[in-house]
């Protein structure tokens, strides 16, 4: 019997490591050979064949032309039943390179992890990304959107994908991300150099223009004298890290801000924190916020379409009008001053994840989607009608 194959395509291989390993494992359990195509040299589990291609994040890099040719060769040399593309450039090159294969027996799935064009996005994003996504929808058997705004936009703008569906992200592993007892929280805090009385605010994200950590630093400088023993934990690396460190110094808060760098213990840091804050300008459906919610944290976040999907005002936290430092600082003071409120907000966060966004829930939805294409492709391959 012929071994069936699936190809996952993205820009960087760390995207797979962060979000897709459970789905690789699932495909292996269904008897599939799992291939990946991306840039990077990570050793990924559950992968039978790793293809390293010259793909670049920016659509204007010449390496993408080379990556297209590489991907076309990979697809032509393998009989993939399903190709699932992720990230904007992975979605562009995967669908273009797979056109010929799709005309025979390959099913093309593309997950839009937050369209770059959305309400409030710069005009340039609409001019560049909208026509690309709309035209490539014709080469898509299933367009998966991860938030309601993108789903509605794709429907209303008449994207010509064979099917448009809404699956709420990649899921959160609630066995890994969950609250801990007060005793355990104290122990982990001591291990990491924090005191019981510290009020810990956390944001885990790459330091770049979109993540906008400067807002959090300015807000923190407004509240740090009003709260007993506050600390701001900023986990992540990126091009604007040094600039943010300089800003912390100039605001006089450097001794209370911990720039933690890239971390593999985010779950532990969330479990010891009191409040998750988020400053990003644009999100699809942010995993960092879902992980914080799963750990029972209230959320105060800059308003955008991804945060709107996760944060309900007064129920599990608050959304702040874009870059409104005054409102952001007021809400932090409110949460910091009321321990009982923090507990209620955090418990609501956790329940929301369990109900809609847990790995178990998303795995069920994803496997149902995959199965519809697996059955169809099997019939095509074996000539069953």
Protein backbone atom coordinates (compact mmCIF):
# COMPACT_ATOMS: atom_id res chain seq x y z
CA UNK A 1 0.00 0.00 0.00
CA UNK A 2 1.28 3.45 -0.93
CA UNK A 3 2.45 5.59 2.00
CA UNK A 4 0.50 8.83 2.03
CA UNK A 5 2.43 12.07 2.48
CA UNK A 6 1.71 15.51 3.90
CA UNK A 7 3.84 18.66 3.48
CA UNK A 8 3.84 21.55 5.96
CA UNK A 9 5.29 24.77 4.54
CA UNK A 10 6.28 27.95 6.44
CA UNK A 11 8.93 30.66 6.44
CA UNK A 12 10.94 29.53 9.49
CA UNK A 13 11.13 26.06 11.02
CA UNK A 14 10.71 27.44 14.56
CA UNK A 15 7.09 28.14 13.55
CA UNK A 16 6.62 24.36 13.38
CA UNK A 17 8.39 23.78 16.70
CA UNK A 18 6.25 26.40 18.43
CA UNK A 19 2.84 25.52 17.01
CA UNK A 20 2.55 22.35 14.94
CA UNK A 21 4.32 19.37 16.54
CA UNK A 22 1.05 17.89 17.92
CA UNK A 23 -0.35 17.90 14.39
CA UNK A 24 2.79 16.25 12.97
CA UNK A 25 2.34 13.54 15.60
CA UNK A 26 -1.33 13.17 14.69
CA UNK A 27 -0.51 12.68 11.00
CA UNK A 28 2.10 10.06 11.91
CA UNK A 29 -0.59 8.23 13.89
CA UNK A 30 -2.78 8.26 10.75
CA UNK A 31 0.01 6.50 8.84
CA UNK A 32 1.29 9.58 6.98
CA UNK A 33 4.87 10.45 6.10
CA UNK A 34 5.40 14.05 7.35
CA UNK A 35 7.53 16.50 5.32
CA UNK A 36 8.37 20.11 6.17
CA UNK A 37 9.68 22.94 4.00
CA UNK A 38 11.06 26.06 5.67
CA UNK A 39 14.26 27.96 6.44
CA UNK A 40 16.27 26.86 9.49
CA UNK A 41 18.18 23.92 10.91
CA UNK A 42 16.08 22.76 13.89
CA UNK A 43 15.82 19.04 14.51
CA UNK A 44 12.04 18.53 14.55
CA UNK A 45 10.34 15.44 16.01
CA UNK A 46 7.69 13.49 14.05
CA UNK A 47 9.21 14.65 10.74
CA UNK A 48 10.22 12.07 8.13
CA UNK A 49 11.81 14.50 5.67
CA UNK A 50 12.93 18.06 6.38
CA UNK A 51 13.44 20.27 3.31
CA UNK A 52 15.46 23.44 3.94
CA UNK A 53 14.52 26.16 1.44
CA UNK A 54 15.75 29.73 0.80
CA UNK A 55 12.47 31.38 1.84
CA UNK A 56 12.60 34.88 3.40
CA UNK A 57 10.02 36.80 5.45
CA UNK A 58 10.03 39.88 3.24
CA UNK A 59 8.17 39.46 -0.07
CA UNK A 60 10.83 41.61 -1.75
CA UNK A 61 13.85 39.35 -1.06
CA UNK A 62 15.40 37.62 -4.09
CA UNK A 63 15.84 34.43 -2.07
CA UNK A 64 12.09 33.85 -2.44
CA UNK A 65 12.42 33.26 -6.19
CA UNK A 66 14.99 30.55 -5.44
CA UNK A 67 12.73 29.18 -2.69
CA UNK A 68 9.82 28.98 -5.14
CA UNK A 69 11.90 26.85 -7.54
CA UNK A 70 13.12 24.65 -4.67
CA UNK A 71 9.59 24.15 -3.39
CA UNK A 72 8.26 23.39 -6.88
CA UNK A 73 10.91 20.66 -7.28
CA UNK A 74 10.08 19.20 -3.83
CA UNK A 75 6.36 19.06 -4.65
CA UNK A 76 6.92 17.60 -8.14
CA UNK A 77 9.24 14.90 -6.75
CA UNK A 78 6.77 13.78 -4.08
CA UNK A 79 3.15 12.68 -4.18
CA UNK A 80 1.67 14.83 -1.41
CA UNK A 81 -1.97 14.18 -0.60
CA UNK A 82 -2.14 17.37 1.50
CA UNK A 83 -0.02 20.53 1.55
CA UNK A 84 -0.67 22.82 4.53
CA UNK A 85 0.88 26.28 4.22
CA UNK A 86 1.51 28.69 7.09
CA UNK A 87 2.87 32.27 7.42
CA UNK A 88 2.39 34.84 4.62
CA UNK A 89 5.37 33.85 2.45
CA UNK A 90 4.87 30.14 3.14
CA UNK A 91 1.30 30.62 1.95
CA UNK A 92 2.33 32.49 -1.20
CA UNK A 93 5.14 30.19 -2.34
CA UNK A 94 3.44 26.95 -1.26
CA UNK A 95 0.28 27.67 -3.23
CA UNK A 96 2.12 28.90 -6.32
CA UNK A 97 4.55 25.97 -6.33
CA UNK A 98 1.73 23.47 -5.75
CA UNK A 99 -0.57 24.61 -8.60
CA UNK A 100 0.27 21.74 -10.93
CA UNK A 101 0.06 19.12 -8.18
CA UNK A 102 -3.29 20.52 -6.99
CA UNK A 103 -4.71 20.08 -10.49
CA UNK A 104 -4.29 16.30 -10.05
CA UNK A 105 -4.73 14.98 -6.52
CA UNK A 106 -3.20 17.32 -3.90
CA UNK A 107 -5.36 19.27 -1.45
CA UNK A 108 -4.04 22.76 -0.61
CA UNK A 109 -4.78 24.15 2.87
CA UNK A 110 -3.63 27.60 3.98
CA UNK A 111 -3.91 28.97 7.53
CA UNK A 112 -3.91 32.77 7.68
CA UNK A 113 -2.36 33.50 11.09
CA UNK A 114 -3.87 36.99 10.98
CA UNK A 115 -4.18 38.81 7.66
CA UNK A 116 -1.72 41.73 7.43
CA UNK A 117 -4.65 43.80 6.15
CA UNK A 118 -7.39 44.41 8.71
CA UNK A 119 -9.36 47.26 10.29
CA UNK A 120 -6.86 49.93 11.18
CA UNK A 121 -3.96 48.37 9.26
CA UNK A 122 -1.72 50.72 7.24
CA UNK A 123 -2.87 51.42 3.66
CA UNK A 124 0.40 49.90 2.40
CA UNK A 125 -0.61 46.53 3.91
CA UNK A 126 -3.88 46.64 1.98
CA UNK A 127 -2.07 47.60 -1.23
CA UNK A 128 0.51 44.80 -0.93
CA UNK A 129 -1.05 41.89 0.94
CA UNK A 130 -4.77 42.12 0.11
CA UNK A 131 -4.50 41.56 -3.67
CA UNK A 132 -1.99 38.72 -3.11
CA UNK A 133 -4.22 36.90 -0.61
CA UNK A 134 -7.35 37.44 -2.66
CA UNK A 135 -5.82 36.11 -5.90
CA UNK A 136 -4.15 33.13 -4.20
CA UNK A 137 -7.45 32.11 -2.56
CA UNK A 138 -8.34 30.64 -5.99
CA UNK A 139 -5.50 28.14 -5.50
CA UNK A 140 -6.76 27.10 -2.06
CA UNK A 141 -8.98 24.15 -1.17
CA UNK A 142 -9.40 25.28 2.42
CA UNK A 143 -8.62 28.75 3.79
CA UNK A 144 -8.39 28.55 7.59
CA UNK A 145 -8.85 31.81 9.50
CA UNK A 146 -8.02 32.01 13.20
CA UNK A 147 -10.18 34.95 14.26
CA UNK A 148 -13.71 36.04 13.44
CA UNK A 149 -12.73 39.35 11.82
CA UNK A 150 -10.55 37.59 9.22
CA UNK A 151 -13.25 34.97 8.62
CA UNK A 152 -15.89 37.63 7.98
CA UNK A 153 -13.53 39.64 5.78
CA UNK A 154 -12.71 36.61 3.58
CA UNK A 155 -16.44 35.84 3.19
CA UNK A 156 -17.55 39.43 2.58
CA UNK A 157 -14.72 40.15 0.12
CA UNK A 158 -15.63 37.00 -1.79
CA UNK A 159 -12.33 35.14 -1.52
CA UNK A 160 -12.57 32.27 -4.02
CA UNK A 161 -11.17 29.46 -1.87
CA UNK A 162 -13.11 26.19 -2.22
CA UNK A 163 -13.89 26.42 1.50
CA UNK A 164 -13.35 29.12 4.15
CA UNK A 165 -13.39 28.00 7.76
CA UNK A 166 -12.70 29.43 11.22
CA UNK A 167 -10.57 27.39 13.65
CA UNK A 168 -9.46 29.21 16.80
CA UNK A 169 -5.68 29.05 16.44
CA UNK A 170 -3.35 26.17 17.20
CA UNK A 171 -4.54 25.36 20.73
CA UNK A 172 -2.96 25.65 24.17
CA UNK A 173 -1.57 22.63 26.00
CA UNK A 174 -3.43 22.94 29.31
CA UNK A 175 -1.36 20.11 30.78
CA UNK A 176 1.62 22.44 30.46
CA UNK A 177 -0.03 25.84 30.96
CA UNK A 178 -2.20 25.91 34.10
CA UNK A 179 -2.36 27.71 37.46
CA UNK A 180 -0.39 26.46 40.47
CA UNK A 181 -1.10 26.56 44.21
CA UNK A 182 0.05 29.54 46.28
CA UNK A 183 2.72 27.34 47.90
CA UNK A 184 4.06 26.26 44.51
CA UNK A 185 3.96 29.84 43.25
CA UNK A 186 6.06 30.97 46.22
CA UNK A 187 8.62 28.21 45.63
CA UNK A 188 9.02 28.98 41.92
CA UNK A 189 9.28 32.69 42.68
CA UNK A 190 12.11 32.08 45.12
CA UNK A 191 13.90 29.87 42.58
CA UNK A 192 13.71 32.69 40.03
CA UNK A 193 14.72 35.44 42.44
CA UNK A 194 11.33 37.00 43.21
CA UNK A 195 9.58 37.64 46.52
CA UNK A 196 6.05 36.75 47.60
CA UNK A 197 5.16 40.43 47.90
CA UNK A 198 6.33 41.36 44.37
CA UNK A 199 3.61 42.32 41.89
CA UNK A 200 4.72 40.75 38.61
CA UNK A 201 3.49 41.95 35.22
CA UNK A 202 4.55 39.81 32.24
CA UNK A 203 4.73 40.07 28.45
CA UNK A 204 6.46 37.45 26.32
CA UNK A 205 7.07 38.57 22.73
CA UNK A 206 9.76 39.38 20.20
CA UNK A 207 11.06 42.95 20.51
CA UNK A 208 9.88 44.45 17.25
CA UNK A 209 7.83 47.40 16.01
CA UNK A 210 4.52 45.53 16.07
CA UNK A 211 4.91 44.17 19.61
CA UNK A 212 5.39 47.76 20.79
CA UNK A 213 7.03 47.12 24.20
CA UNK A 214 7.81 50.85 24.46
CA UNK A 215 4.17 51.38 25.44
CA UNK A 216 4.51 48.99 28.39
CA UNK A 217 7.67 50.71 29.58
CA UNK A 218 6.00 54.13 29.50
CA UNK A 219 2.91 52.78 31.29
CA UNK A 220 5.04 51.03 33.90
CA UNK A 221 6.90 54.28 34.61
CA UNK A 222 3.51 55.87 35.38
CA UNK A 223 2.44 53.22 37.91
CA UNK A 224 5.65 51.94 39.52
CA UNK A 225 5.47 54.36 42.45
CA UNK A 226 1.76 53.59 43.12
CA UNK A 227 2.15 49.81 43.53
CA UNK A 228 4.13 47.99 46.21
CA UNK A 229 7.11 46.11 44.74
CA UNK A 230 6.11 46.06 41.06
CA UNK A 231 8.28 44.31 38.46
CA UNK A 232 7.83 44.16 34.71
CA UNK A 233 8.98 40.89 33.13
CA UNK A 234 9.72 41.18 29.40
CA UNK A 235 10.68 37.85 27.86
CA UNK A 236 11.98 37.69 24.29
CA UNK A 237 14.70 38.85 21.96
CA UNK A 238 14.61 40.95 18.81
CA UNK A 239 15.83 44.00 16.89
CA UNK A 240 14.39 46.60 19.32
CA UNK A 241 15.65 45.00 22.55
CA UNK A 242 18.57 47.43 23.03
CA UNK A 243 16.35 50.41 22.24
CA UNK A 244 13.87 49.28 24.91
CA UNK A 245 16.66 48.81 27.46
CA UNK A 246 17.78 52.40 26.80
CA UNK A 247 14.20 53.63 27.21
CA UNK A 248 13.90 51.83 30.57
CA UNK A 249 17.06 53.63 31.75
CA UNK A 250 15.87 57.02 30.54
CA UNK A 251 12.51 56.51 32.30
CA UNK A 252 14.31 55.62 35.55
CA UNK A 253 12.74 52.13 35.81
CA UNK A 254 15.66 49.92 34.71
CA UNK A 255 16.01 48.43 38.22
CA UNK A 256 12.39 47.22 38.14
CA UNK A 257 12.25 45.87 34.57
CA UNK A 258 13.65 42.41 33.84
CA UNK A 259 14.68 41.87 30.22
CA UNK A 260 14.72 38.08 30.30
CA UNK A 261 15.82 37.30 26.73
CA UNK A 262 14.67 34.18 24.90
CA UNK A 263 13.23 31.74 27.42
CA UNK A 264 12.13 28.12 27.40
CA UNK A 265 10.41 28.41 30.79
CA UNK A 266 7.56 30.74 29.82
CA UNK A 267 5.06 28.44 31.52
CA UNK A 268 6.93 28.84 34.84
CA UNK A 269 7.15 32.62 34.45
CA UNK A 270 3.41 32.84 33.75
CA UNK A 271 2.60 30.69 36.77
CA UNK A 272 4.38 33.10 39.13
CA UNK A 273 2.98 36.30 37.56
CA UNK A 274 0.00 38.35 38.71
CA UNK A 275 -1.04 40.06 35.49
CA UNK A 276 -0.36 39.63 31.77
CA UNK A 277 -0.05 42.81 29.71
CA UNK A 278 0.09 43.10 25.92
CA UNK A 279 1.02 46.09 23.80
CA UNK A 280 1.01 44.77 20.22
CA UNK A 281 -0.58 46.78 17.43
CA UNK A 282 -1.66 43.81 15.28
CA UNK A 283 -2.46 40.19 16.20
CA UNK A 284 -4.16 37.23 14.57
CA UNK A 285 -4.91 35.15 17.66
CA UNK A 286 -1.96 35.57 20.06
CA UNK A 287 -0.68 32.36 21.63
CA UNK A 288 1.20 34.27 24.33
CA UNK A 289 -2.08 35.70 25.63
CA UNK A 290 -3.84 32.33 25.47
CA UNK A 291 -1.00 30.75 27.45
CA UNK A 292 -1.28 33.51 30.09
CA UNK A 293 -5.05 32.94 30.28
CA UNK A 294 -4.55 29.18 30.68
CA UNK A 295 -2.30 29.96 33.68
CA UNK A 296 -5.17 31.89 35.27
CA UNK A 297 -3.97 35.46 34.64
CA UNK A 298 -6.07 38.58 34.06
CA UNK A 299 -5.19 40.38 30.79
CA UNK A 300 -4.79 44.09 30.06
CA UNK A 301 -4.11 44.58 26.36
CA UNK A 302 -3.91 47.12 23.58
CA UNK A 303 -7.04 46.76 21.46
CA UNK A 304 -6.62 44.84 18.21
CA UNK A 305 -8.57 42.10 16.43
CA UNK A 306 -6.70 39.21 18.09
CA UNK A 307 -6.98 40.67 21.58
CA UNK A 308 -10.69 41.43 21.00
CA UNK A 309 -11.25 37.73 20.43
CA UNK A 310 -9.69 36.81 23.80
CA UNK A 311 -10.36 39.67 26.22
CA UNK A 312 -13.83 40.63 27.44
CA UNK A 313 -13.92 43.92 29.32
CA UNK A 314 -14.55 43.43 33.01
CA UNK A 315 -14.73 39.63 32.66
CA UNK A 316 -11.13 38.47 32.25
CA UNK A 317 -9.42 41.84 31.91
CA UNK A 318 -9.60 44.97 29.77
CA UNK A 319 -8.91 46.17 26.26
CA UNK A 320 -7.29 49.58 26.02
CA UNK A 321 -7.82 51.96 23.11
CA UNK A 322 -4.66 51.87 21.03
CA UNK A 323 -1.67 53.31 22.92
CA UNK A 324 -3.80 55.04 25.59
CA UNK A 325 -1.14 55.16 28.33
CA UNK A 326 -3.45 56.82 30.88
CA UNK A 327 -6.20 54.18 30.63
CA UNK A 328 -3.65 51.36 30.58
CA UNK A 329 -2.03 52.62 33.79
CA UNK A 330 -5.41 53.12 35.50
CA UNK A 331 -6.48 49.54 34.79
CA UNK A 332 -3.16 48.15 36.08
CA UNK A 333 -3.58 50.12 39.33
CA UNK A 334 -7.13 48.78 39.65
CA UNK A 335 -6.07 45.14 39.23
CA UNK A 336 -3.01 45.50 41.45
CA UNK A 337 -5.10 46.97 44.28
CA UNK A 338 -7.71 44.21 44.33
CA UNK A 339 -6.53 40.65 44.90
CA UNK A 340 -10.09 39.23 44.89
CA UNK A 341 -10.76 40.85 41.51
CA UNK A 342 -7.53 39.38 40.10
CA UNK A 343 -8.67 35.92 41.19
CA UNK A 344 -12.10 36.25 39.52
CA UNK A 345 -10.67 37.69 36.28
CA UNK A 346 -7.99 35.00 36.17
CA UNK A 347 -10.45 32.17 36.75
CA UNK A 348 -12.58 33.49 33.88
CA UNK A 349 -9.48 33.55 31.64
CA UNK A 350 -8.77 29.93 32.45
CA UNK A 351 -12.37 28.82 31.81
CA UNK A 352 -12.37 30.58 28.41
CA UNK A 353 -9.30 28.63 27.33
CA UNK A 354 -10.73 25.31 28.51
CA UNK A 355 -14.00 25.98 26.72
CA UNK A 356 -12.75 27.20 23.33
CA UNK A 357 -8.98 27.24 22.89
CA UNK A 358 -7.46 24.17 24.56
CA UNK A 359 -5.28 21.85 22.48
CA UNK A 360 -7.96 19.16 22.88
CA UNK A 361 -10.68 21.39 21.38
CA UNK A 362 -8.53 22.64 18.50
CA UNK A 363 -7.16 19.17 17.76
CA UNK A 364 -10.73 17.91 17.40
CA UNK A 365 -11.58 20.71 14.95
CA UNK A 366 -8.33 20.35 12.96
CA UNK A 367 -8.53 16.56 12.70
CA UNK A 368 -12.12 16.81 11.40
CA UNK A 369 -10.94 19.28 8.75
CA UNK A 370 -7.97 17.10 7.73
CA UNK A 371 -10.09 13.96 7.59
CA UNK A 372 -12.43 15.45 4.97
CA UNK A 373 -9.43 15.93 2.66
CA UNK A 374 -7.77 12.65 3.59
CA UNK A 375 -10.89 10.67 2.60
CA UNK A 376 -11.27 12.57 -0.65
CA UNK A 377 -7.62 12.15 -1.61
CA UNK A 378 -7.69 8.45 -0.78
CA UNK A 379 -10.59 7.99 -3.18
CA UNK A 380 -8.74 9.90 -5.91
CA UNK A 381 -5.50 7.93 -5.39
CA UNK A 382 -7.19 4.53 -5.45
CA UNK A 383 -9.71 5.42 -8.15
CA UNK A 384 -12.74 4.89 -5.89
CA UNK A 385 -15.90 6.75 -6.95
